[in-house]
């Protein structure tokens, strides 16, 4: 079985810690308010954005790196000094997300692996690919009094027993993850016909030990996917590493 990237393992531990933190924070709110502080290792575009958009027929592609939580703490307003997540070491991996959204059926394909150009000019290549996809359709509204159409889930993509991200491997080396591969992975046979399809591929890229992950990561849009018969026009997408600090006061526990 393929090893799960550390970021997904730590994501579950972080969720557990954050769940406990929410309960503590609600208690603090009831006694006067609380605040949270999250520090993440992230990659950003030159304009500060976290995702780069590529236009494709009847949809779009969003490209970005998943951030890694380095510290999460909480406390009274102005002093979130109780740590619930603490990671002292810099990330040893990068996780590139390539998310395709379509509103009309087109053939598409993702590469089985991607390579990132670093600030040292060396290429770092992925060793594992993970997938998350969902599909929905609009009913005809006939079952409702107001006759308004509503969005409905397509069952094979919404199996609660599935992990949020699942490892996916090509049938052969260097064979892309195309539409047929994605449908087969989810057991979707084409009915009901979808009106919205979202497919996200996450490429796990290990950084060379003992060196830290690069401060700059560049990709070519042509290497990330295609919709129809041709990939998008070639364009360099460059991200740089940042440390993101997010402080949030919470004074209302909500309903």
C-alpha atoms as a PDB file:
ATOM      1  CA  UNK A   1       0.000   0.000   0.000  1.00  0.00           C
ATOM      2  CA  UNK A   2       1.284   3.469  -0.822  1.00  0.00           C
ATOM      3  CA  UNK A   3       2.466   5.508   2.143  1.00  0.00           C
ATOM      4  CA  UNK A   4       0.232   8.424   3.043  1.00  0.00           C
ATOM      5  CA  UNK A   5       1.978  11.819   2.911  1.00  0.00           C
ATOM      6  CA  UNK A   6       2.841  13.256   6.287  1.00  0.00           C
ATOM      7  CA  UNK A   7       0.633  16.252   5.614  1.00  0.00           C
ATOM      8  CA  UNK A   8      -2.471  14.007   5.470  1.00  0.00           C
ATOM      9  CA  UNK A   9      -1.455  12.100   8.601  1.00  0.00           C
ATOM     10  CA  UNK A  10      -0.843  15.350  10.468  1.00  0.00           C
ATOM     11  CA  UNK A  11      -4.069  16.794   9.041  1.00  0.00           C
ATOM     12  CA  UNK A  12      -6.092  14.222  10.994  1.00  0.00           C
ATOM     13  CA  UNK A  13      -4.134  14.918  14.170  1.00  0.00           C
ATOM     14  CA  UNK A  14      -4.566  18.645  13.609  1.00  0.00           C
ATOM     15  CA  UNK A  15      -8.328  18.215  13.128  1.00  0.00           C
ATOM     16  CA  UNK A  16      -8.548  16.341  16.438  1.00  0.00           C
ATOM     17  CA  UNK A  17      -6.581  19.061  18.209  1.00  0.00           C
ATOM     18  CA  UNK A  18      -8.633  21.810  16.603  1.00  0.00           C
ATOM     19  CA  UNK A  19     -11.854  20.082  17.640  1.00  0.00           C
ATOM     20  CA  UNK A  20     -10.713  20.164  21.259  1.00  0.00           C
ATOM     21  CA  UNK A  21      -9.587  23.767  20.783  1.00  0.00           C
ATOM     22  CA  UNK A  22     -13.043  24.795  19.568  1.00  0.00           C
ATOM     23  CA  UNK A  23     -14.637  23.366  22.719  1.00  0.00           C
ATOM     24  CA  UNK A  24     -12.160  25.256  24.907  1.00  0.00           C
ATOM     25  CA  UNK A  25     -12.684  28.430  22.883  1.00  0.00           C
ATOM     26  CA  UNK A  26     -16.463  28.250  23.294  1.00  0.00           C
ATOM     27  CA  UNK A  27     -15.952  28.056  27.037  1.00  0.00           C
ATOM     28  CA  UNK A  28     -13.675  31.087  26.927  1.00  0.00           C
ATOM     29  CA  UNK A  29     -16.201  32.992  24.813  1.00  0.00           C
ATOM     30  CA  UNK A  30     -18.870  32.408  27.451  1.00  0.00           C
ATOM     31  CA  UNK A  31     -16.552  33.940  30.030  1.00  0.00           C
ATOM     32  CA  UNK A  32     -15.504  36.965  27.982  1.00  0.00           C
ATOM     33  CA  UNK A  33     -14.135  35.918  24.600  1.00  0.00           C
ATOM     34  CA  UNK A  34     -11.251  34.003  23.082  1.00  0.00           C
ATOM     35  CA  UNK A  35      -8.797  34.315  20.220  1.00  0.00           C
ATOM     36  CA  UNK A  36      -6.885  31.917  18.024  1.00  0.00           C
ATOM     37  CA  UNK A  37      -3.515  32.158  16.299  1.00  0.00           C
ATOM     38  CA  UNK A  38      -2.491  29.904  13.402  1.00  0.00           C
ATOM     39  CA  UNK A  39       0.918  29.981  11.746  1.00  0.00           C
ATOM     40  CA  UNK A  40       1.338  28.101   8.473  1.00  0.00           C
ATOM     41  CA  UNK A  41       4.123  27.305   6.048  1.00  0.00           C
ATOM     42  CA  UNK A  42       2.623  28.209   2.686  1.00  0.00           C
ATOM     43  CA  UNK A  43       3.448  29.092  -0.909  1.00  0.00           C
ATOM     44  CA  UNK A  44       2.112  32.259  -2.470  1.00  0.00           C
ATOM     45  CA  UNK A  45       2.082  33.902  -5.891  1.00  0.00           C
ATOM     46  CA  UNK A  46       3.842  37.268  -6.411  1.00  0.00           C
ATOM     47  CA  UNK A  47       0.476  39.027  -5.952  1.00  0.00           C
ATOM     48  CA  UNK A  48      -0.045  37.300  -2.609  1.00  0.00           C
ATOM     49  CA  UNK A  49      -2.671  34.866  -3.884  1.00  0.00           C
ATOM     50  CA  UNK A  50      -2.606  31.206  -2.956  1.00  0.00           C
ATOM     51  CA  UNK A  51      -3.981  29.798  -6.244  1.00  0.00           C
ATOM     52  CA  UNK A  52      -3.322  30.389  -9.928  1.00  0.00           C
ATOM     53  CA  UNK A  53      -6.296  30.128 -12.281  1.00  0.00           C
ATOM     54  CA  UNK A  54      -6.070  28.572 -15.732  1.00  0.00           C
ATOM     55  CA  UNK A  55      -9.052  29.007 -18.051  1.00  0.00           C
ATOM     56  CA  UNK A  56     -10.246  25.881 -19.849  1.00  0.00           C
ATOM     57  CA  UNK A  57     -13.354  25.208 -21.974  1.00  0.00           C
ATOM     58  CA  UNK A  58     -16.504  25.355 -19.793  1.00  0.00           C
ATOM     59  CA  UNK A  59     -14.565  25.477 -16.565  1.00  0.00           C
ATOM     60  CA  UNK A  60     -11.329  26.377 -14.831  1.00  0.00           C
ATOM     61  CA  UNK A  61      -8.253  24.895 -13.200  1.00  0.00           C
ATOM     62  CA  UNK A  62      -6.913  26.163  -9.868  1.00  0.00           C
ATOM     63  CA  UNK A  63      -3.268  25.454  -9.004  1.00  0.00           C
ATOM     64  CA  UNK A  64      -1.734  25.913  -5.566  1.00  0.00           C
ATOM     65  CA  UNK A  65       0.167  24.295  -2.703  1.00  0.00           C
ATOM     66  CA  UNK A  66      -1.599  23.005   0.384  1.00  0.00           C
ATOM     67  CA  UNK A  67      -0.353  24.878   3.479  1.00  0.00           C
ATOM     68  CA  UNK A  68       1.034  23.087   6.520  1.00  0.00           C
ATOM     69  CA  UNK A  69       0.009  24.230  10.010  1.00  0.00           C
ATOM     70  CA  UNK A  70       3.092  24.959  12.117  1.00  0.00           C
ATOM     71  CA  UNK A  71       1.396  26.385  15.228  1.00  0.00           C
ATOM     72  CA  UNK A  72      -2.196  26.665  16.414  1.00  0.00           C
ATOM     73  CA  UNK A  73      -2.903  28.244  19.770  1.00  0.00           C
ATOM     74  CA  UNK A  74      -5.815  29.831  21.594  1.00  0.00           C
ATOM     75  CA  UNK A  75      -6.555  31.880  24.662  1.00  0.00           C
ATOM     76  CA  UNK A  76      -8.357  34.961  25.873  1.00  0.00           C
ATOM     77  CA  UNK A  77      -8.765  37.844  23.416  1.00  0.00           C
ATOM     78  CA  UNK A  78      -5.369  39.305  22.629  1.00  0.00           C
ATOM     79  CA  UNK A  79      -3.411  36.455  24.191  1.00  0.00           C
ATOM     80  CA  UNK A  80      -3.772  33.108  22.372  1.00  0.00           C
ATOM     81  CA  UNK A  81      -1.037  31.452  24.433  1.00  0.00           C
ATOM     82  CA  UNK A  82      -2.371  27.893  24.803  1.00  0.00           C
ATOM     83  CA  UNK A  83      -0.794  25.780  22.015  1.00  0.00           C
ATOM     84  CA  UNK A  84      -2.807  22.862  20.620  1.00  0.00           C
ATOM     85  CA  UNK A  85      -0.626  22.157  17.559  1.00  0.00           C
ATOM     86  CA  UNK A  86       3.149  22.724  17.610  1.00  0.00           C
ATOM     87  CA  UNK A  87       5.578  21.604  14.901  1.00  0.00           C
ATOM     88  CA  UNK A  88       9.161  22.669  15.453  1.00  0.00           C
ATOM     89  CA  UNK A  89      10.637  21.451  12.168  1.00  0.00           C
ATOM     90  CA  UNK A  90      10.162  22.868   8.692  1.00  0.00           C
ATOM     91  CA  UNK A  91       8.054  20.741   6.305  1.00  0.00           C
ATOM     92  CA  UNK A  92       9.907  17.944   4.525  1.00  0.00           C
ATOM     93  CA  UNK A  93       7.371  17.745   1.702  1.00  0.00           C
ATOM     94  CA  UNK A  94       5.228  19.819  -0.630  1.00  0.00           C
ATOM     95  CA  UNK A  95       1.717  18.996  -1.781  1.00  0.00           C
ATOM     96  CA  UNK A  96       0.675  20.498  -5.091  1.00  0.00           C
ATOM     97  CA  UNK A  97      -3.062  20.747  -5.729  1.00  0.00           C
ATOM     98  CA  UNK A  98      -4.417  20.871  -9.300  1.00  0.00           C
ATOM     99  CA  UNK A  99      -8.216  21.228  -9.184  1.00  0.00           C
ATOM    100  CA  UNK A 100     -10.358  21.040 -12.324  1.00  0.00           C
ATOM    101  CA  UNK A 101     -13.993  22.225 -12.340  1.00  0.00           C
ATOM    102  CA  UNK A 102     -16.173  21.541 -15.384  1.00  0.00           C
ATOM    103  CA  UNK A 103     -19.775  22.462 -16.190  1.00  0.00           C
ATOM    104  CA  UNK A 104     -19.913  20.555 -19.492  1.00  0.00           C
ATOM    105  CA  UNK A 105     -18.536  17.105 -20.253  1.00  0.00           C
ATOM    106  CA  UNK A 106     -15.084  17.182 -21.883  1.00  0.00           C
ATOM    107  CA  UNK A 107     -12.285  14.694 -22.051  1.00  0.00           C
ATOM    108  CA  UNK A 108      -9.470  15.608 -19.645  1.00  0.00           C
ATOM    109  CA  UNK A 109      -6.234  14.202 -18.311  1.00  0.00           C
ATOM    110  CA  UNK A 110      -3.798  14.857 -15.475  1.00  0.00           C
ATOM    111  CA  UNK A 111      -0.169  13.714 -15.600  1.00  0.00           C
ATOM    112  CA  UNK A 112       0.800  10.700 -13.440  1.00  0.00           C
ATOM    113  CA  UNK A 113       3.492  12.855 -11.801  1.00  0.00           C
ATOM    114  CA  UNK A 114       4.708  16.445 -11.803  1.00  0.00           C
ATOM    115  CA  UNK A 115       8.108  18.070 -11.376  1.00  0.00           C
ATOM    116  CA  UNK A 116       8.753  21.414  -9.695  1.00  0.00           C
ATOM    117  CA  UNK A 117      11.659  23.681 -10.531  1.00  0.00           C
ATOM    118  CA  UNK A 118      13.242  24.968  -7.335  1.00  0.00           C
ATOM    119  CA  UNK A 119      15.330  28.046  -6.587  1.00  0.00           C
ATOM    120  CA  UNK A 120      18.461  25.889  -6.906  1.00  0.00           C
ATOM    121  CA  UNK A 121      17.439  24.944 -10.493  1.00  0.00           C
ATOM    122  CA  UNK A 122      17.065  21.324  -9.411  1.00  0.00           C
ATOM    123  CA  UNK A 123      13.776  19.570 -10.157  1.00  0.00           C
ATOM    124  CA  UNK A 124      11.742  17.983  -7.393  1.00  0.00           C
ATOM    125  CA  UNK A 125       9.311  15.342  -8.664  1.00  0.00           C
ATOM    126  CA  UNK A 126       6.235  13.808  -7.072  1.00  0.00           C
ATOM    127  CA  UNK A 127       6.247  10.225  -5.863  1.00  0.00           C
ATOM    128  CA  UNK A 128       2.515   9.761  -5.158  1.00  0.00           C
ATOM    129  CA  UNK A 129      -0.751  11.164  -6.509  1.00  0.00           C
ATOM    130  CA  UNK A 130      -3.966  11.524  -4.528  1.00  0.00           C
ATOM    131  CA  UNK A 131      -7.448  12.275  -5.838  1.00  0.00           C
ATOM    132  CA  UNK A 132     -10.619  13.892  -4.527  1.00  0.00           C
ATOM    133  CA  UNK A 133     -13.601  14.290  -6.838  1.00  0.00           C
ATOM    134  CA  UNK A 134     -17.311  14.995  -6.675  1.00  0.00           C
ATOM    135  CA  UNK A 135     -20.101  15.332  -9.215  1.00  0.00           C
ATOM    136  CA  UNK A 136     -23.602  16.810  -9.043  1.00  0.00           C
ATOM    137  CA  UNK A 137     -26.616  17.220 -11.314  1.00  0.00           C
ATOM    138  CA  UNK A 138     -29.666  19.460 -11.319  1.00  0.00           C
ATOM    139  CA  UNK A 139     -33.034  17.708 -11.099  1.00  0.00           C
ATOM    140  CA  UNK A 140     -36.062  18.945 -13.066  1.00  0.00           C
ATOM    141  CA  UNK A 141     -37.805  20.379 -10.006  1.00  0.00           C
ATOM    142  CA  UNK A 142     -40.990  18.354 -10.570  1.00  0.00           C
ATOM    143  CA  UNK A 143     -40.847  16.811  -7.082  1.00  0.00           C
ATOM    144  CA  UNK A 144     -41.100  20.193  -5.343  1.00  0.00           C
ATOM    145  CA  UNK A 145     -44.020  22.526  -4.838  1.00  0.00           C
ATOM    146  CA  UNK A 146     -42.108  25.537  -6.144  1.00  0.00           C
ATOM    147  CA  UNK A 147     -40.876  23.553  -9.192  1.00  0.00           C
ATOM    148  CA  UNK A 148     -37.386  24.977  -8.695  1.00  0.00           C
ATOM    149  CA  UNK A 149     -34.484  22.806  -9.807  1.00  0.00           C
ATOM    150  CA  UNK A 150     -32.122  21.654  -7.080  1.00  0.00           C
ATOM    151  CA  UNK A 151     -28.599  20.271  -7.012  1.00  0.00           C
ATOM    152  CA  UNK A 152     -28.311  16.571  -6.226  1.00  0.00           C
ATOM    153  CA  UNK A 153     -25.245  14.497  -5.379  1.00  0.00           C
ATOM    154  CA  UNK A 154     -24.185  11.655  -7.653  1.00  0.00           C
ATOM    155  CA  UNK A 155     -23.817   8.708  -5.288  1.00  0.00           C
ATOM    156  CA  UNK A 156     -20.513   7.081  -6.401  1.00  0.00           C
ATOM    157  CA  UNK A 157     -18.666  10.327  -5.667  1.00  0.00           C
ATOM    158  CA  UNK A 158     -20.229  10.788  -2.207  1.00  0.00           C
ATOM    159  CA  UNK A 159     -19.516   7.503  -0.463  1.00  0.00           C
ATOM    160  CA  UNK A 160     -19.040   8.330   3.221  1.00  0.00           C
ATOM    161  CA  UNK A 161     -16.724   5.332   3.603  1.00  0.00           C
ATOM    162  CA  UNK A 162     -14.160   6.861   1.250  1.00  0.00           C
ATOM    163  CA  UNK A 163     -11.198   8.841   2.522  1.00  0.00           C
ATOM    164  CA  UNK A 164     -11.234  12.506   1.520  1.00  0.00           C
ATOM    165  CA  UNK A 165      -8.034  11.948  -0.490  1.00  0.00           C
ATOM    166  CA  UNK A 166      -7.309   8.538  -1.981  1.00  0.00           C
ATOM    167  CA  UNK A 167      -4.108   7.310  -3.581  1.00  0.00           C
ATOM    168  CA  UNK A 168      -4.485   6.688  -7.291  1.00  0.00           C
ATOM    169  CA  UNK A 169      -1.982   4.986  -9.560  1.00  0.00           C
ATOM    170  CA  UNK A 170      -1.868   4.880 -13.361  1.00  0.00           C
ATOM    171  CA  UNK A 171      -2.523   1.577 -15.095  1.00  0.00           C
ATOM    172  CA  UNK A 172       0.925   1.830 -16.678  1.00  0.00           C
ATOM    173  CA  UNK A 173       3.972   4.011 -16.162  1.00  0.00           C
ATOM    174  CA  UNK A 174       3.623   7.491 -17.671  1.00  0.00           C
ATOM    175  CA  UNK A 175      -0.047   6.927 -18.534  1.00  0.00           C
ATOM    176  CA  UNK A 176      -2.089  10.032 -17.604  1.00  0.00           C
ATOM    177  CA  UNK A 177      -5.052  10.056 -15.259  1.00  0.00           C
ATOM    178  CA  UNK A 178      -7.748  10.646 -17.872  1.00  0.00           C
ATOM    179  CA  UNK A 179     -11.528  10.893 -17.616  1.00  0.00           C
ATOM    180  CA  UNK A 180     -11.996   7.129 -17.958  1.00  0.00           C
ATOM    181  CA  UNK A 181      -9.486   6.487 -15.145  1.00  0.00           C
ATOM    182  CA  UNK A 182     -11.289   8.889 -12.809  1.00  0.00           C
ATOM    183  CA  UNK A 183     -14.712   7.418 -13.609  1.00  0.00           C
ATOM    184  CA  UNK A 184     -13.409   3.890 -13.098  1.00  0.00           C
ATOM    185  CA  UNK A 185     -11.790   4.851  -9.777  1.00  0.00           C
ATOM    186  CA  UNK A 186     -15.155   6.063  -8.441  1.00  0.00           C
ATOM    187  CA  UNK A 187     -17.280   3.422 -10.112  1.00  0.00           C
ATOM    188  CA  UNK A 188     -19.210   5.995 -12.121  1.00  0.00           C
ATOM    189  CA  UNK A 189     -20.771   4.579 -15.311  1.00  0.00           C
ATOM    190  CA  UNK A 190     -22.024   7.858 -16.795  1.00  0.00           C
ATOM    191  CA  UNK A 191     -25.528   7.976 -15.318  1.00  0.00           C
ATOM    192  CA  UNK A 192     -26.997  10.201 -14.099  1.00  0.00           C
ATOM    193  CA  UNK A 193     -25.245  12.727 -16.295  1.00  0.00           C
ATOM    194  CA  UNK A 194     -23.494  15.349 -14.227  1.00  0.00           C
ATOM    195  CA  UNK A 195     -23.871  19.133 -14.529  1.00  0.00           C
ATOM    196  CA  UNK A 196     -20.896  19.893 -12.282  1.00  0.00           C
ATOM    197  CA  UNK A 197     -17.692  17.878 -11.928  1.00  0.00           C
ATOM    198  CA  UNK A 198     -14.749  18.742  -9.714  1.00  0.00           C
ATOM    199  CA  UNK A 199     -11.557  16.666  -9.794  1.00  0.00           C
ATOM    200  CA  UNK A 200      -8.613  17.564  -7.587  1.00  0.00           C
ATOM    201  CA  UNK A 201      -5.245  15.864  -7.923  1.00  0.00           C
ATOM    202  CA  UNK A 202      -2.754  16.335  -5.095  1.00  0.00           C
ATOM    203  CA  UNK A 203       0.850  15.498  -5.935  1.00  0.00           C
ATOM    204  CA  UNK A 204       3.089  14.648  -2.998  1.00  0.00           C
ATOM    205  CA  UNK A 205       6.587  16.027  -3.584  1.00  0.00           C
ATOM    206  CA  UNK A 206       9.274  15.051  -1.034  1.00  0.00           C
ATOM    207  CA  UNK A 207      12.029  17.566  -0.395  1.00  0.00           C
ATOM    208  CA  UNK A 208      15.634  16.306  -0.419  1.00  0.00           C
ATOM    209  CA  UNK A 209      16.794  15.491   3.109  1.00  0.00           C
ATOM    210  CA  UNK A 210      18.345  17.169   5.037  1.00  0.00           C
ATOM    211  CA  UNK A 211      17.696  20.305   2.956  1.00  0.00           C
ATOM    212  CA  UNK A 212      14.524  22.301   3.565  1.00  0.00           C
ATOM    213  CA  UNK A 213      11.869  22.640   0.900  1.00  0.00           C
ATOM    214  CA  UNK A 214      12.753  25.350  -1.647  1.00  0.00           C
ATOM    215  CA  UNK A 215      11.898  29.007  -1.145  1.00  0.00           C
ATOM    216  CA  UNK A 216      10.714  29.204  -4.768  1.00  0.00           C
ATOM    217  CA  UNK A 217       8.683  26.643  -6.718  1.00  0.00           C
ATOM    218  CA  UNK A 218       7.923  27.050 -10.428  1.00  0.00           C
ATOM    219  CA  UNK A 219       5.780  25.024 -12.825  1.00  0.00           C
ATOM    220  CA  UNK A 220       4.663  25.211 -16.439  1.00  0.00           C
ATOM    221  CA  UNK A 221       0.903  25.279 -16.984  1.00  0.00           C
ATOM    222  CA  UNK A 222       1.248  22.912 -19.973  1.00  0.00           C
ATOM    223  CA  UNK A 223       2.591  20.183 -17.688  1.00  0.00           C
ATOM    224  CA  UNK A 224      -0.332  20.155 -15.254  1.00  0.00           C
ATOM    225  CA  UNK A 225      -3.330  18.903 -17.237  1.00  0.00           C
ATOM    226  CA  UNK A 226      -5.361  19.169 -20.408  1.00  0.00           C
ATOM    227  CA  UNK A 227      -9.025  19.584 -21.266  1.00  0.00           C
ATOM    228  CA  UNK A 228      -9.982  18.417 -24.745  1.00  0.00           C
ATOM    229  CA  UNK A 229      -7.219  17.551 -27.162  1.00  0.00           C
ATOM    230  CA  UNK A 230      -4.625  20.156 -26.219  1.00  0.00           C
ATOM    231  CA  UNK A 231      -3.011  21.400 -22.990  1.00  0.00           C
ATOM    232  CA  UNK A 232      -3.318  25.079 -22.020  1.00  0.00           C
ATOM    233  CA  UNK A 233      -0.853  27.602 -23.393  1.00  0.00           C
ATOM    234  CA  UNK A 234       2.598  27.449 -21.833  1.00  0.00           C
ATOM    235  CA  UNK A 235       2.965  29.834 -18.898  1.00  0.00           C
ATOM    236  CA  UNK A 236       5.322  29.756 -15.943  1.00  0.00           C
ATOM    237  CA  UNK A 237       3.617  29.689 -12.552  1.00  0.00           C
ATOM    238  CA  UNK A 238       5.997  30.711  -9.762  1.00  0.00           C
ATOM    239  CA  UNK A 239       5.281  30.462  -6.027  1.00  0.00           C
ATOM    240  CA  UNK A 240       7.446  31.569  -3.104  1.00  0.00           C
ATOM    241  CA  UNK A 241       7.513  30.270   0.459  1.00  0.00           C
ATOM    242  CA  UNK A 242       5.956  32.455   3.156  1.00  0.00           C
ATOM    243  CA  UNK A 243       5.141  32.103   6.837  1.00  0.00           C
ATOM    244  CA  UNK A 244       1.470  33.037   7.242  1.00  0.00           C
ATOM    245  CA  UNK A 245       0.192  34.374  10.583  1.00  0.00           C
ATOM    246  CA  UNK A 246      -3.584  34.381  11.108  1.00  0.00           C
ATOM    247  CA  UNK A 247      -4.909  35.887  14.358  1.00  0.00           C
ATOM    248  CA  UNK A 248      -8.669  35.780  14.949  1.00  0.00           C
ATOM    249  CA  UNK A 249     -10.630  37.138  17.930  1.00  0.00           C
ATOM    250  CA  UNK A 250     -13.832  35.249  18.716  1.00  0.00           C
ATOM    251  CA  UNK A 251     -16.387  37.004  20.914  1.00  0.00           C
ATOM    252  CA  UNK A 252     -19.630  35.276  19.863  1.00  0.00           C
ATOM    253  CA  UNK A 253     -20.080  31.490  20.232  1.00  0.00           C
ATOM    254  CA  UNK A 254     -22.832  31.557  17.626  1.00  0.00           C
ATOM    255  CA  UNK A 255     -26.280  29.933  17.806  1.00  0.00           C
END
